[in-house]
Amino acid sequence: MLNLILKNYRNLSYRIRKNEGFSRTVYKDILGNKTIGYGHLIKNKEKFKNKKKYSKKHLLKLFEKDFSIAVKNYYKIFKRKKIPRKFEEVIIEMIFQLGIKNFVKFKKFNYFILKNKPHLASLEMIKSKWYKQTPKRVEKLISTLIY
């Protein structure tokens, strides 16, 4: 399943890795959460050590797992909905970055996506706290959504 997901979303996977950046060591994200690799949020049960460098291969596998979860969450929410590919990719990247619990709070955004109104969906992105935290990333996603 993972290989099929990675194959179908190769360009999106690359774009997310580029947007996330990469670190072999633990760092704190914009919200102060411990993170590593390509934006992997470190969970309490995970034993990453500060200042230790981890292999890129190991961190890439971690990214692939996180990416796969984001895609599966997308399909759980939007199964059977006909959504343009570029909308789909924006949503998957949002789920990857925000996590599913925060993504589902974008109720108006999701409503406008389903109504094929990307400009109104974009306004919901701009009005969010998320936009204040990562404006350049959100603007890139808006560009993908609209153009």
Protein backbone atom coordinates (compact mmCIF):
# COMPACT_ATOMS: atom_id res chain seq x y z
CA MET A 1 0.00 0.00 0.00
CA LEU A 2 2.78 2.45 0.94
CA ASN A 3 4.57 1.92 -2.38
CA LEU A 4 1.35 2.58 -4.29
CA ILE A 5 0.71 5.79 -2.33
CA LEU A 6 4.28 7.00 -2.89
CA LYS A 7 4.06 6.20 -6.60
CA ASN A 8 0.72 7.96 -7.09
CA TYR A 9 1.83 11.04 -5.18
CA ARG A 10 5.53 11.24 -6.05
CA ASN A 11 5.47 14.96 -6.96
CA LEU A 12 3.44 15.86 -3.89
CA SER A 13 5.80 13.87 -1.67
CA TYR A 14 8.74 15.79 -3.11
CA ARG A 15 6.98 19.15 -2.70
CA ILE A 16 6.10 18.45 0.93
CA ARG A 17 9.69 17.42 1.72
CA LYS A 18 10.93 20.61 0.09
CA ASN A 19 8.42 22.75 1.99
CA GLU A 20 9.18 21.04 5.30
CA GLY A 21 12.94 21.23 5.02
CA PHE A 22 15.14 18.59 6.62
CA SER A 23 17.01 18.15 9.88
CA ARG A 24 18.99 15.11 11.04
CA THR A 25 18.71 16.39 14.60
CA VAL A 26 15.78 17.24 16.87
CA TYR A 27 14.57 20.83 16.60
CA LYS A 28 11.55 22.78 17.80
CA ASP A 29 8.96 23.81 15.25
CA ILE A 30 7.23 27.20 15.17
CA LEU A 31 4.92 26.07 18.00
CA GLY A 32 7.77 24.73 20.13
CA ASN A 33 7.07 21.05 19.40
CA LYS A 34 9.99 18.64 19.08
CA THR A 35 10.39 17.71 15.43
CA ILE A 36 12.89 15.84 13.26
CA GLY A 37 13.53 14.89 9.65
CA TYR A 38 10.97 16.21 7.20
CA GLY A 39 8.61 17.76 9.74
CA HIS A 40 7.98 14.64 11.82
CA LEU A 41 6.30 15.62 15.08
CA ILE A 42 8.00 13.57 17.78
CA LYS A 43 5.50 11.72 19.94
CA ASN A 44 6.07 11.16 23.66
CA LYS A 45 6.75 7.45 23.20
CA GLU A 46 9.46 8.07 20.58
CA LYS A 47 12.99 8.16 21.93
CA PHE A 48 14.88 10.68 19.80
CA LYS A 49 17.86 12.21 21.57
CA ASN A 50 18.71 15.88 21.35
CA LYS A 51 21.88 16.73 19.40
CA LYS A 52 22.15 13.20 17.98
CA LYS A 53 22.31 12.97 14.18
CA TYR A 54 20.05 10.34 12.65
CA SER A 55 20.50 8.78 9.22
CA LYS A 56 18.69 10.33 6.30
CA LYS A 57 17.49 6.86 5.28
CA HIS A 58 15.81 6.33 8.67
CA LEU A 59 14.22 9.80 8.59
CA LEU A 60 13.02 9.31 5.00
CA LYS A 61 11.23 6.11 6.07
CA LEU A 62 9.64 8.09 8.89
CA PHE A 63 8.49 10.72 6.38
CA GLU A 64 7.04 8.04 4.10
CA LYS A 65 5.04 6.63 7.00
CA ASP A 66 3.76 10.12 7.97
CA PHE A 67 2.93 10.89 4.34
CA SER A 68 1.06 7.62 3.98
CA ILE A 69 -1.00 8.44 7.08
CA ALA A 70 -1.86 11.87 5.64
CA VAL A 71 -3.05 10.29 2.37
CA LYS A 72 -5.09 7.64 4.21
CA ASN A 73 -6.69 10.35 6.36
CA TYR A 74 -7.56 12.29 3.21
CA TYR A 75 -9.36 9.25 1.81
CA LYS A 76 -11.21 8.66 5.08
CA ILE A 77 -12.66 12.17 4.95
CA PHE A 78 -13.20 12.60 1.21
CA LYS A 79 -13.91 9.04 0.01
CA ARG A 80 -16.36 8.98 -2.87
CA LYS A 81 -16.07 12.75 -3.38
CA LYS A 82 -14.95 13.95 -6.80
CA ILE A 83 -12.26 16.52 -6.07
CA PRO A 84 -9.78 17.97 -8.59
CA ARG A 85 -6.26 16.59 -8.19
CA LYS A 86 -4.73 19.96 -7.24
CA PHE A 87 -7.33 20.41 -4.46
CA GLU A 88 -6.59 16.88 -3.29
CA GLU A 89 -2.86 17.61 -3.09
CA VAL A 90 -3.40 20.83 -1.14
CA ILE A 91 -5.61 18.99 1.33
CA ILE A 92 -3.09 16.17 1.80
CA GLU A 93 -0.32 18.68 2.44
CA MET A 94 -2.52 20.50 4.94
CA ILE A 95 -3.24 17.22 6.73
CA PHE A 96 0.48 16.42 6.73
CA GLN A 97 1.45 19.78 8.18
CA LEU A 98 -1.45 20.38 10.57
CA GLY A 99 -2.42 16.85 11.53
CA ILE A 100 -5.89 15.46 11.00
CA LYS A 101 -7.30 16.85 14.26
CA ASN A 102 -6.46 20.42 13.26
CA PHE A 103 -7.38 19.96 9.61
CA VAL A 104 -10.97 18.92 10.36
CA LYS A 105 -11.48 22.25 12.13
CA PHE A 106 -11.35 23.93 8.69
CA LYS A 107 -15.07 23.30 8.18
CA LYS A 108 -15.75 26.27 5.89
CA PHE A 109 -12.62 25.52 3.85
CA ASN A 110 -13.82 21.95 3.31
CA TYR A 111 -17.31 23.14 2.44
CA PHE A 112 -15.95 25.50 -0.24
CA ILE A 113 -13.64 22.79 -1.62
CA LEU A 114 -16.59 20.45 -2.04
CA LYS A 115 -18.53 23.25 -3.75
CA ASN A 116 -15.56 23.85 -6.11
CA LYS A 117 -15.00 27.38 -4.84
CA PRO A 118 -11.23 27.58 -4.37
CA HIS A 119 -11.17 31.37 -3.94
CA LEU A 120 -13.50 31.17 -0.95
CA ALA A 121 -11.57 28.18 0.41
CA SER A 122 -8.40 30.28 0.11
CA LEU A 123 -9.96 33.07 2.16
CA GLU A 124 -10.56 30.56 4.94
CA MET A 125 -6.88 29.63 4.82
CA ILE A 126 -5.87 33.30 5.06
CA LYS A 127 -8.21 33.94 8.02
CA SER A 128 -6.66 31.09 10.03
CA LYS A 129 -4.11 31.11 12.84
CA TRP A 130 -2.16 28.68 10.65
CA TYR A 131 -1.63 31.47 8.09
CA LYS A 132 -0.08 33.69 10.77
CA GLN A 133 2.30 30.86 11.72
CA THR A 134 3.45 29.85 8.22
CA PRO A 135 2.29 32.50 5.72
CA LYS A 136 4.69 31.61 2.91
CA ARG A 137 3.69 27.97 2.96
CA VAL A 138 -0.01 28.78 3.02
CA GLU A 139 0.45 31.23 0.14
CA LYS A 140 2.14 28.48 -1.91
CA LEU A 141 -0.80 26.19 -1.22
CA ILE A 142 -3.26 28.93 -2.17
CA SER A 143 -1.40 29.39 -5.47
CA THR A 144 -1.70 25.66 -6.13
CA LEU A 145 -5.39 25.74 -5.28
CA ILE A 146 -6.28 28.71 -7.47
CA TYR A 147 -3.98 28.45 -10.48
